[in-house]
């Protein structure tokens, strides 16, 4: 396909959900073609690598993947995905986001099928990989885009497979693919199995573009499930949480057990060990730096700053830290409840950090803390949904709603922790030969409390900055959490 106008792409990027630079001054500085895909009876599709340069005080550049389908005529069926028109050989060519075009996405399906006999296929410079032992894909599967993604885009192939297309790209191995491959080879029952992935080479470096996974037919988003539970609880404010149909304690316990078992398999499949006091000192320093940055963005944190610094100082005083590969960005929105139990998804790690940093071993308590914060968000979002509905609620009812919501959150957090700790304690008692270097189960109660408190605080500080920039009306949720942090 011919060169594409940079302004055309700039206008499209700001209309998408997955572009991370909205609200910042930017321009498209470079556009490269990674591949031109085509096949009989299919539209052509061009995969562009778009470089975005920012001109604010932060500056820097980012890479984005933009696959576009081209047509000679307007395609009303995908009008919502229209990007614009370019001139090719003296005639107009109409461009659409290929993710929303089932005919274009069939080109990716064709390539994955071509990779099945040998485990790999090269299609115009894109390398399609398949894991051995997977079920063959039916070429008649119908692609359709999935809604709800933020930083990536997903396409479902009927009820068989799902392809996640990474939008913001970085050179190197994507942790989402790397971890899913190891957990799939380790036969974990708590993930969607990895079927394959797509990658290419740019300037001598591997860039991974997409991954193909098992489609979970009966899956329900964990955060949506939690909010539904809260809403059920608040229908009858006179009932205790454990007497209502809105209690989430059992689900939280099962989710804690699932996370513990995923952590255990990650310790088996990746390097893990015990680090010394220099690691805890560095962890405390990084947390303090994030707090200092947040204070410049959100002055409302200042009343809590001294207690937060004391919390991080307690981390620096620890003699060591057990580390391993972790999820890195865990919350209820990264979980799915299926008819066969909980599944963890999206192992990319914290957005915005280089892959090399996301792959570094970390404390598993970071993942636990992320989930605890999510149990705070679910009732907070439900409560905020009442604002602006026009319903008049007196002070007594608000107070009772807040009390019930706090009880829901407390029970969910407690049962999640108990489920998690119960698994790792049971594993320790079953394996008396385990060494200190490969286990987190011998973490002392005091050390666990210090780490968990600090990770929860660190996550809440991150949330305050995020909400200030993106959803100011929600900032009260993490601010309230910071007020509860005990730095003693």
Protein backbone atom coordinates (compact mmCIF):
# COMPACT_ATOMS: atom_id res chain seq x y z
CA UNK A 1 0.00 0.00 0.00
CA UNK A 2 1.24 3.52 -0.69
CA UNK A 3 2.58 5.87 1.96
CA UNK A 4 -0.04 7.09 4.38
CA UNK A 5 -0.44 10.70 5.45
CA UNK A 6 0.76 11.28 9.01
CA UNK A 7 -2.09 13.68 9.77
CA UNK A 8 -4.58 10.98 8.81
CA UNK A 9 -3.11 8.64 11.41
CA UNK A 10 -2.95 11.38 14.04
CA UNK A 11 -6.64 12.05 13.59
CA UNK A 12 -7.40 8.36 13.96
CA UNK A 13 -5.21 7.70 16.99
CA UNK A 14 -7.01 10.24 19.17
CA UNK A 15 -10.35 8.54 18.41
CA UNK A 16 -9.23 5.12 19.63
CA UNK A 17 -9.50 3.67 23.14
CA UNK A 18 -6.05 2.10 23.02
CA UNK A 19 -3.90 5.13 22.18
CA UNK A 20 -2.05 6.10 25.35
CA UNK A 21 -1.13 9.65 24.32
CA UNK A 22 -4.54 11.29 24.40
CA UNK A 23 -4.32 14.64 26.14
CA UNK A 24 -0.61 15.04 25.33
CA UNK A 25 0.79 17.09 22.42
CA UNK A 26 2.11 14.64 19.84
CA UNK A 27 2.77 14.04 16.20
CA UNK A 28 3.32 10.96 14.07
CA UNK A 29 7.02 11.22 13.23
CA UNK A 30 7.48 8.00 11.24
CA UNK A 31 5.39 5.30 9.59
CA UNK A 32 6.83 1.99 8.43
CA UNK A 33 5.12 -0.92 6.71
CA UNK A 34 5.72 -4.19 8.55
CA UNK A 35 3.76 -6.41 6.15
CA UNK A 36 1.21 -6.43 3.36
CA UNK A 37 -1.14 -9.39 3.77
CA UNK A 38 -3.43 -10.61 1.01
CA UNK A 39 -5.15 -13.76 -0.23
CA UNK A 40 -7.75 -14.67 -2.85
CA UNK A 41 -11.25 -13.61 -1.84
CA UNK A 42 -9.80 -11.50 0.98
CA UNK A 43 -9.21 -7.74 1.22
CA UNK A 44 -5.63 -6.54 1.48
CA UNK A 45 -4.35 -5.57 4.91
CA UNK A 46 -1.25 -3.54 5.73
CA UNK A 47 0.38 -3.65 9.16
CA UNK A 48 1.91 -0.27 9.97
CA UNK A 49 4.46 0.51 12.66
CA UNK A 50 3.72 4.09 13.75
CA UNK A 51 6.18 6.18 15.75
CA UNK A 52 4.58 8.87 17.92
CA UNK A 53 6.72 11.72 19.27
CA UNK A 54 5.59 13.86 22.23
CA UNK A 55 6.44 17.55 22.65
CA UNK A 56 5.47 18.08 26.30
CA UNK A 57 7.86 18.24 29.27
CA UNK A 58 8.00 14.44 29.45
CA UNK A 59 8.74 14.04 25.75
CA UNK A 60 9.84 10.72 24.31
CA UNK A 61 8.45 8.43 21.61
CA UNK A 62 6.17 5.41 21.48
CA UNK A 63 5.56 2.70 18.89
CA UNK A 64 2.06 1.61 17.89
CA UNK A 65 0.79 -1.17 15.69
CA UNK A 66 -1.94 -0.07 13.26
CA UNK A 67 -3.26 -2.79 10.90
CA UNK A 68 -5.45 -1.27 8.17
CA UNK A 69 -7.66 -2.96 5.58
CA UNK A 70 -7.92 -1.33 2.17
CA UNK A 71 -10.92 -1.19 -0.19
CA UNK A 72 -11.61 0.49 -3.52
CA UNK A 73 -15.18 1.28 -2.46
CA UNK A 74 -16.76 2.47 0.78
CA UNK A 75 -17.66 -0.44 3.08
CA UNK A 76 -20.71 0.65 5.08
CA UNK A 77 -20.63 -2.54 7.20
CA UNK A 78 -17.45 -1.31 8.95
CA UNK A 79 -18.10 2.41 8.69
CA UNK A 80 -17.46 2.83 12.42
CA UNK A 81 -13.83 1.77 11.81
CA UNK A 82 -13.19 4.16 8.91
CA UNK A 83 -9.76 5.79 9.07
CA UNK A 84 -9.68 7.77 5.83
CA UNK A 85 -8.65 7.60 2.19
CA UNK A 86 -5.30 7.68 0.43
CA UNK A 87 -4.41 7.80 -3.23
CA UNK A 88 -2.94 4.68 -4.79
CA UNK A 89 -1.97 4.69 -8.48
CA UNK A 90 -4.24 7.64 -9.20
CA UNK A 91 -7.32 6.27 -7.44
CA UNK A 92 -8.71 6.42 -3.95
CA UNK A 93 -8.17 3.60 -1.50
CA UNK A 94 -10.40 3.57 1.60
CA UNK A 95 -8.78 2.46 4.85
CA UNK A 96 -10.42 0.79 7.85
CA UNK A 97 -9.07 -0.51 11.15
CA UNK A 98 -8.52 -4.14 10.20
CA UNK A 99 -9.42 -5.38 13.70
CA UNK A 100 -13.06 -4.49 12.95
CA UNK A 101 -13.08 -6.22 9.56
CA UNK A 102 -13.79 -9.95 9.78
CA UNK A 103 -12.62 -10.50 6.19
CA UNK A 104 -9.26 -8.88 6.94
CA UNK A 105 -8.84 -10.73 10.24
CA UNK A 106 -9.30 -14.00 8.38
CA UNK A 107 -5.84 -13.34 6.92
CA UNK A 108 -4.36 -13.79 10.40
CA UNK A 109 -6.38 -16.98 10.89
CA UNK A 110 -5.09 -18.32 7.56
CA UNK A 111 -1.50 -17.65 8.65
CA UNK A 112 -1.90 -19.39 12.00
CA UNK A 113 -3.34 -22.42 10.18
CA UNK A 114 -0.36 -22.38 7.80
CA UNK A 115 1.93 -22.53 10.84
CA UNK A 116 0.35 -25.70 12.27
CA UNK A 117 2.33 -28.41 10.41
CA UNK A 118 5.79 -27.16 11.45
CA UNK A 119 5.04 -24.78 14.29
CA UNK A 120 5.84 -21.68 12.27
CA UNK A 121 5.09 -19.82 9.03
CA UNK A 122 6.55 -16.65 7.49
CA UNK A 123 3.99 -14.40 5.85
CA UNK A 124 5.53 -11.30 4.23
CA UNK A 125 7.98 -10.85 7.10
CA UNK A 126 5.57 -11.67 9.91
CA UNK A 127 6.41 -14.92 11.72
CA UNK A 128 3.41 -16.89 12.95
CA UNK A 129 4.16 -19.44 15.70
CA UNK A 130 2.01 -22.31 17.00
CA UNK A 131 2.62 -24.27 20.20
CA UNK A 132 2.75 -28.02 19.63
CA UNK A 133 -0.16 -30.17 20.73
CA UNK A 134 -2.88 -27.61 20.14
CA UNK A 135 -6.13 -28.36 18.36
CA UNK A 136 -6.10 -27.54 14.61
CA UNK A 137 -7.99 -24.38 13.71
CA UNK A 138 -10.97 -24.55 11.37
CA UNK A 139 -10.51 -22.18 8.39
CA UNK A 140 -14.25 -21.48 8.53
CA UNK A 141 -14.03 -19.85 11.98
CA UNK A 142 -15.62 -16.39 11.90
CA UNK A 143 -13.57 -13.49 13.31
CA UNK A 144 -15.30 -10.74 15.28
CA UNK A 145 -13.83 -7.90 17.37
CA UNK A 146 -14.25 -7.96 21.13
CA UNK A 147 -15.19 -4.85 23.08
CA UNK A 148 -13.86 -3.57 26.37
CA UNK A 149 -10.11 -3.47 25.73
CA UNK A 150 -8.15 -0.36 26.62
CA UNK A 151 -4.48 -0.74 25.71
CA UNK A 152 -4.86 -3.62 23.24
CA UNK A 153 -7.44 -5.01 20.81
CA UNK A 154 -8.85 -8.53 20.71
CA UNK A 155 -10.53 -10.59 18.01
CA UNK A 156 -12.56 -13.70 18.72
CA UNK A 157 -12.64 -16.64 16.30
CA UNK A 158 -16.10 -18.02 17.09
CA UNK A 159 -15.86 -19.86 20.42
CA UNK A 160 -12.50 -21.47 19.70
CA UNK A 161 -9.73 -18.90 20.02
CA UNK A 162 -9.02 -15.27 20.78
CA UNK A 163 -6.23 -13.16 19.29
CA UNK A 164 -4.91 -10.21 21.26
CA UNK A 165 -3.30 -7.57 19.07
CA UNK A 166 -0.74 -5.51 20.95
CA UNK A 167 -1.19 -1.86 20.07
CA UNK A 168 1.65 -0.18 21.97
CA UNK A 169 4.82 -2.05 21.07
CA UNK A 170 8.27 -2.46 22.56
CA UNK A 171 11.25 -4.43 21.24
CA UNK A 172 11.88 -7.73 22.98
CA UNK A 173 9.87 -10.61 24.37
CA UNK A 174 6.42 -9.58 25.59
CA UNK A 175 5.87 -10.89 29.15
CA UNK A 176 2.28 -11.79 28.27
CA UNK A 177 3.53 -14.29 25.68
CA UNK A 178 6.54 -15.44 27.69
CA UNK A 179 4.59 -16.18 30.87
CA UNK A 180 1.60 -17.72 29.09
CA UNK A 181 3.92 -20.03 27.17
CA UNK A 182 5.54 -21.31 30.35
CA UNK A 183 2.24 -21.67 32.23
CA UNK A 184 0.72 -23.46 29.23
CA UNK A 185 3.66 -25.86 29.03
CA UNK A 186 3.30 -26.32 32.80
CA UNK A 187 -0.40 -27.28 32.32
CA UNK A 188 -1.80 -24.54 34.56
CA UNK A 189 -5.56 -24.72 34.91
CA UNK A 190 -5.80 -21.06 35.93
CA UNK A 191 -5.07 -19.36 32.58
CA UNK A 192 -6.35 -19.35 29.02
CA UNK A 193 -3.90 -21.61 27.19
CA UNK A 194 -1.53 -20.02 24.69
CA UNK A 195 -1.98 -21.30 21.14
CA UNK A 196 0.54 -19.15 19.28
CA UNK A 197 1.90 -15.68 18.60
CA UNK A 198 3.06 -13.30 15.85
CA UNK A 199 6.37 -11.47 15.70
CA UNK A 200 8.66 -9.64 13.31
CA UNK A 201 12.13 -8.10 13.31
CA UNK A 202 12.68 -4.35 13.10
CA UNK A 203 16.18 -2.85 13.05
CA UNK A 204 17.58 -6.17 14.23
CA UNK A 205 15.25 -6.47 17.23
CA UNK A 206 12.31 -8.82 17.70
CA UNK A 207 8.93 -7.16 18.18
CA UNK A 208 5.99 -9.34 19.17
CA UNK A 209 2.71 -8.20 17.63
CA UNK A 210 -0.08 -10.54 18.75
CA UNK A 211 -0.90 -13.70 20.68
CA UNK A 212 -3.50 -16.40 20.09
CA UNK A 213 -5.19 -18.01 23.10
CA UNK A 214 -7.91 -20.42 24.04
CA UNK A 215 -11.31 -18.67 24.11
CA UNK A 216 -13.05 -19.07 27.46
CA UNK A 217 -16.69 -19.59 26.49
CA UNK A 218 -18.28 -19.13 29.92
CA UNK A 219 -16.08 -16.33 31.20
CA UNK A 220 -17.35 -13.37 33.21
CA UNK A 221 -15.14 -10.36 33.94
CA UNK A 222 -14.03 -10.47 37.58
CA UNK A 223 -14.61 -6.78 38.23
CA UNK A 224 -18.10 -6.87 36.73
CA UNK A 225 -18.89 -9.92 38.86
CA UNK A 226 -17.66 -8.16 42.00
CA UNK A 227 -19.71 -5.03 41.29
CA UNK A 228 -22.80 -7.15 40.70
CA UNK A 229 -22.19 -8.72 44.10
CA UNK A 230 -21.97 -5.29 45.74
CA UNK A 231 -25.17 -4.13 44.06
CA UNK A 232 -27.00 -7.21 45.32
CA UNK A 233 -25.75 -6.56 48.84
CA UNK A 234 -26.94 -2.95 48.78
CA UNK A 235 -30.47 -3.85 47.70
CA UNK A 236 -31.33 -4.73 51.32
CA UNK A 237 -29.21 -2.65 53.67
CA UNK A 238 -30.58 -4.37 56.76
CA UNK A 239 -29.00 -7.71 55.85
CA UNK A 240 -25.50 -8.64 56.93
CA UNK A 241 -23.11 -9.33 54.02
CA UNK A 242 -22.85 -13.05 54.79
CA UNK A 243 -26.65 -13.38 54.88
CA UNK A 244 -27.25 -11.75 51.50
CA UNK A 245 -26.80 -13.02 47.97
CA UNK A 246 -24.17 -10.32 47.56
CA UNK A 247 -21.42 -11.90 49.63
CA UNK A 248 -18.21 -12.33 47.62
CA UNK A 249 -16.14 -14.00 50.32
CA UNK A 250 -16.20 -17.49 48.80
CA UNK A 251 -15.23 -16.24 45.36
CA UNK A 252 -12.45 -14.13 46.87
CA UNK A 253 -11.05 -17.16 48.70
CA UNK A 254 -11.08 -19.25 45.53
CA UNK A 255 -9.37 -16.43 43.65
CA UNK A 256 -6.68 -16.27 46.32
CA UNK A 257 -6.10 -20.00 45.95
CA UNK A 258 -5.84 -19.65 42.16
CA UNK A 259 -3.25 -16.87 42.45
CA UNK A 260 -1.18 -18.88 44.93
CA UNK A 261 -1.08 -21.84 42.56
CA UNK A 262 -0.11 -19.65 39.60
CA UNK A 263 2.66 -18.12 41.71
CA UNK A 264 3.87 -21.58 42.65
CA UNK A 265 4.13 -22.62 38.99
CA UNK A 266 5.88 -19.37 38.10
CA UNK A 267 8.49 -20.17 40.78
CA UNK A 268 9.05 -23.52 39.11
CA UNK A 269 9.28 -22.19 35.55
CA UNK A 270 11.31 -18.99 36.13
CA UNK A 271 14.26 -18.00 38.34
CA UNK A 272 13.32 -17.20 41.95
CA UNK A 273 15.20 -16.65 45.15
CA UNK A 274 15.95 -14.65 48.26
CA UNK A 275 17.53 -11.22 47.86
CA UNK A 276 19.32 -9.33 50.61
CA UNK A 277 18.86 -5.99 52.34
CA UNK A 278 20.08 -4.07 49.30
CA UNK A 279 16.93 -5.19 47.48
CA UNK A 280 14.55 -4.01 50.18
CA UNK A 281 16.42 -0.69 50.34
CA UNK A 282 16.05 -0.27 46.58
CA UNK A 283 12.37 -1.20 46.74
CA UNK A 284 11.76 1.42 49.46
CA UNK A 285 13.67 4.02 47.44
CA UNK A 286 11.58 3.35 44.33
CA UNK A 287 8.34 3.61 46.32
CA UNK A 288 9.48 6.88 47.88
CA UNK A 289 10.38 8.30 44.46
CA UNK A 290 6.92 7.44 43.16
CA UNK A 291 5.43 9.19 46.18
CA UNK A 292 7.55 12.30 45.54
CA UNK A 293 6.38 12.39 41.94
CA UNK A 294 2.76 11.88 42.97
CA UNK A 295 2.95 14.77 45.45
CA UNK A 296 3.86 17.11 42.61
CA UNK A 297 0.85 15.95 40.61
CA UNK A 298 -1.67 15.47 43.43
CA UNK A 299 -1.04 17.80 46.40
CA UNK A 300 -4.01 16.18 48.17
CA UNK A 301 -1.64 13.37 49.17
CA UNK A 302 0.39 15.64 51.45
CA UNK A 303 -1.56 14.91 54.69
CA UNK A 304 -0.65 11.23 54.29
CA UNK A 305 2.96 11.68 53.15
CA UNK A 306 4.65 11.21 56.53
CA UNK A 307 2.84 7.93 57.23
CA UNK A 308 3.61 6.69 53.72
CA UNK A 309 7.29 7.47 54.13
CA UNK A 310 7.27 5.57 57.43
CA UNK A 311 5.64 2.63 55.66
CA UNK A 312 8.38 2.58 53.04
CA UNK A 313 11.09 2.99 55.67
CA UNK A 314 9.81 -0.20 57.29
CA UNK A 315 10.46 -1.99 53.98
CA UNK A 316 14.03 -0.66 53.90
CA UNK A 317 14.58 -2.10 57.37
CA UNK A 318 13.76 -5.65 56.26
CA UNK A 319 16.70 -8.04 56.01
CA UNK A 320 15.63 -9.55 52.69
CA UNK A 321 12.95 -10.23 50.13
CA UNK A 322 11.69 -13.34 48.31
CA UNK A 323 11.34 -12.58 44.60
CA UNK A 324 10.06 -14.39 41.51
CA UNK A 325 8.17 -13.72 38.27
CA UNK A 326 4.75 -12.26 39.01
CA UNK A 327 1.74 -10.94 37.12
CA UNK A 328 2.81 -7.36 37.79
CA UNK A 329 -0.51 -5.57 37.18
CA UNK A 330 -3.09 -7.73 38.88
CA UNK A 331 -6.61 -6.55 39.66
CA UNK A 332 -10.12 -7.93 39.25
CA UNK A 333 -10.26 -6.71 35.65
CA UNK A 334 -7.40 -9.12 34.90
CA UNK A 335 -9.43 -12.12 36.04
CA UNK A 336 -12.23 -14.16 34.49
CA UNK A 337 -14.68 -16.41 36.34
CA UNK A 338 -15.58 -19.43 34.25
CA UNK A 339 -17.79 -22.43 34.94
CA UNK A 340 -14.57 -24.29 35.82
CA UNK A 341 -13.14 -21.67 38.17
CA UNK A 342 -11.03 -18.53 38.06
CA UNK A 343 -8.59 -17.65 35.28
CA UNK A 344 -5.88 -14.98 35.35
CA UNK A 345 -5.25 -13.01 32.15
CA UNK A 346 -3.06 -10.23 30.76
CA UNK A 347 0.41 -10.99 32.10
CA UNK A 348 1.97 -7.98 30.33
CA UNK A 349 2.85 -6.29 33.61
CA UNK A 350 2.62 -2.63 34.49
CA UNK A 351 1.95 -0.49 31.39
CA UNK A 352 4.57 2.10 30.57
CA UNK A 353 7.54 0.12 31.89
CA UNK A 354 10.06 -1.43 29.46
CA UNK A 355 9.75 -5.19 28.98
CA UNK A 356 13.14 -5.77 30.59
CA UNK A 357 11.91 -4.12 33.80
CA UNK A 358 8.59 -5.99 33.76
CA UNK A 359 10.48 -9.29 33.51
CA UNK A 360 12.53 -8.64 36.65
CA UNK A 361 11.69 -10.85 39.64
CA UNK A 362 9.46 -9.13 42.16
CA UNK A 363 7.68 -9.98 45.38
CA UNK A 364 4.47 -11.97 44.92
CA UNK A 365 2.93 -9.66 47.51
CA UNK A 366 2.77 -6.98 44.79
CA UNK A 367 0.13 -9.10 43.02
CA UNK A 368 -1.72 -9.72 46.27
CA UNK A 369 -1.77 -5.99 47.02
CA UNK A 370 -3.13 -5.20 43.56
CA UNK A 371 -6.06 -7.52 44.15
CA UNK A 372 -6.73 -6.05 47.59
CA UNK A 373 -6.96 -2.59 46.04
CA UNK A 374 -9.42 -3.95 43.49
CA UNK A 375 -11.68 -5.20 46.28
CA UNK A 376 -11.75 -1.59 47.48
CA UNK A 377 -12.56 -0.23 44.02
CA UNK A 378 -15.58 -2.44 43.34
CA UNK A 379 -17.81 -0.98 46.10
CA UNK A 380 -16.34 2.47 45.48
CA UNK A 381 -17.40 2.47 41.84
CA UNK A 382 -20.85 1.12 42.71
CA UNK A 383 -21.33 3.87 45.27
CA UNK A 384 -20.22 6.53 42.79
CA UNK A 385 -22.70 5.27 40.22
CA UNK A 386 -25.48 6.64 42.43
CA UNK A 387 -24.15 10.18 42.09
CA UNK A 388 -26.05 12.03 39.42
CA UNK A 389 -28.92 9.53 39.20
CA UNK A 390 -31.30 12.06 40.69
CA UNK A 391 -32.25 9.79 43.56
CA UNK A 392 -32.42 11.55 46.91
CA UNK A 393 -30.51 9.64 49.60
CA UNK A 394 -30.47 10.92 53.17
CA UNK A 395 -27.39 10.95 55.37
CA UNK A 396 -28.42 7.89 57.36
CA UNK A 397 -28.79 5.79 54.23
CA UNK A 398 -25.46 7.01 52.85
CA UNK A 399 -23.78 6.06 56.11
CA UNK A 400 -25.36 2.60 56.12
CA UNK A 401 -24.44 2.04 52.47
CA UNK A 402 -20.87 3.04 53.22
CA UNK A 403 -20.80 0.67 56.21
CA UNK A 404 -22.11 -2.26 54.15
CA UNK A 405 -19.71 -1.51 51.30
CA UNK A 406 -16.79 -1.41 53.73
CA UNK A 407 -17.88 -4.74 55.20
CA UNK A 408 -18.07 -6.27 51.70
CA UNK A 409 -14.57 -5.06 50.93
CA UNK A 410 -13.16 -6.20 54.27
CA UNK A 411 -14.63 -9.71 53.92
CA UNK A 412 -13.40 -10.05 50.36
CA UNK A 413 -9.88 -8.96 51.30
CA UNK A 414 -9.75 -11.23 54.34
CA UNK A 415 -10.97 -14.32 52.51
CA UNK A 416 -8.68 -13.64 49.55
CA UNK A 417 -5.65 -13.46 51.85
CA UNK A 418 -6.73 -16.58 53.73
CA UNK A 419 -7.18 -18.49 50.48
CA UNK A 420 -3.77 -17.37 49.23
CA UNK A 421 -1.86 -18.02 52.44
CA UNK A 422 -3.64 -21.33 52.96
CA UNK A 423 -2.27 -22.70 49.69
CA UNK A 424 1.33 -21.62 50.24
CA UNK A 425 1.24 -22.85 53.84
CA UNK A 426 -0.13 -26.19 52.68
CA UNK A 427 2.55 -26.45 50.02
CA UNK A 428 5.21 -25.84 52.66
CA UNK A 429 3.91 -28.58 54.93
CA UNK A 430 3.71 -31.02 52.00
CA UNK A 431 7.29 -30.38 50.93
CA UNK A 432 9.67 -30.27 53.86
CA UNK A 433 12.63 -30.36 51.47
CA UNK A 434 11.83 -26.97 49.90
CA UNK A 435 14.67 -24.49 50.26
CA UNK A 436 14.50 -20.91 51.38
CA UNK A 437 15.70 -19.77 47.96
CA UNK A 438 12.64 -21.03 46.10
CA UNK A 439 9.79 -20.41 48.54
CA UNK A 440 7.78 -17.48 49.82
CA UNK A 441 5.87 -19.57 52.35
CA UNK A 442 8.44 -18.99 55.08
CA UNK A 443 8.01 -15.23 54.99
CA UNK A 444 7.47 -14.15 58.59
CA UNK A 445 4.13 -12.66 59.59
CA UNK A 446 5.76 -9.31 60.37
CA UNK A 447 7.64 -9.21 57.07
CA UNK A 448 4.47 -10.12 55.20
CA UNK A 449 2.54 -7.34 56.94
CA UNK A 450 5.23 -4.74 56.18
CA UNK A 451 5.45 -5.72 52.51
CA UNK A 452 1.72 -5.97 51.97
CA UNK A 453 1.06 -2.60 53.62
CA UNK A 454 3.77 -0.96 51.51
CA UNK A 455 2.63 -2.52 48.23
CA UNK A 456 -0.98 -1.51 48.93
CA UNK A 457 0.16 2.05 49.64
CA UNK A 458 2.32 2.14 46.53
CA UNK A 459 -0.58 0.94 44.40
CA UNK A 460 -2.93 3.53 45.91
CA UNK A 461 -0.39 6.30 45.18
CA UNK A 462 -0.30 5.15 41.55
CA UNK A 463 -4.10 5.14 41.45
CA UNK A 464 -4.36 8.68 42.80
CA UNK A 465 -2.15 9.99 40.00
CA UNK A 466 -4.05 7.99 37.40
CA UNK A 467 -7.45 9.20 38.62
CA UNK A 468 -6.26 12.81 38.81
CA UNK A 469 -5.28 12.67 35.15
CA UNK A 470 -8.04 10.49 33.76
CA UNK A 471 -11.06 10.27 36.09
CA UNK A 472 -10.94 13.09 38.64
CA UNK A 473 -14.36 12.16 40.04
CA UNK A 474 -12.92 8.81 41.20
CA UNK A 475 -9.92 10.19 43.08
CA UNK A 476 -11.69 9.82 46.42
CA UNK A 477 -11.42 6.02 46.22
CA UNK A 478 -7.61 5.79 46.43
CA UNK A 479 -7.35 8.88 48.65
CA UNK A 480 -9.56 7.15 51.22
CA UNK A 481 -7.26 4.11 51.06
CA UNK A 482 -4.19 6.28 51.72
CA UNK A 483 -5.92 7.72 54.77
CA UNK A 484 -6.21 4.20 56.18
CA UNK A 485 -2.52 3.32 55.75
CA UNK A 486 -0.81 2.77 59.08
CA UNK A 487 2.82 3.81 58.85
CA UNK A 488 3.73 2.74 62.34
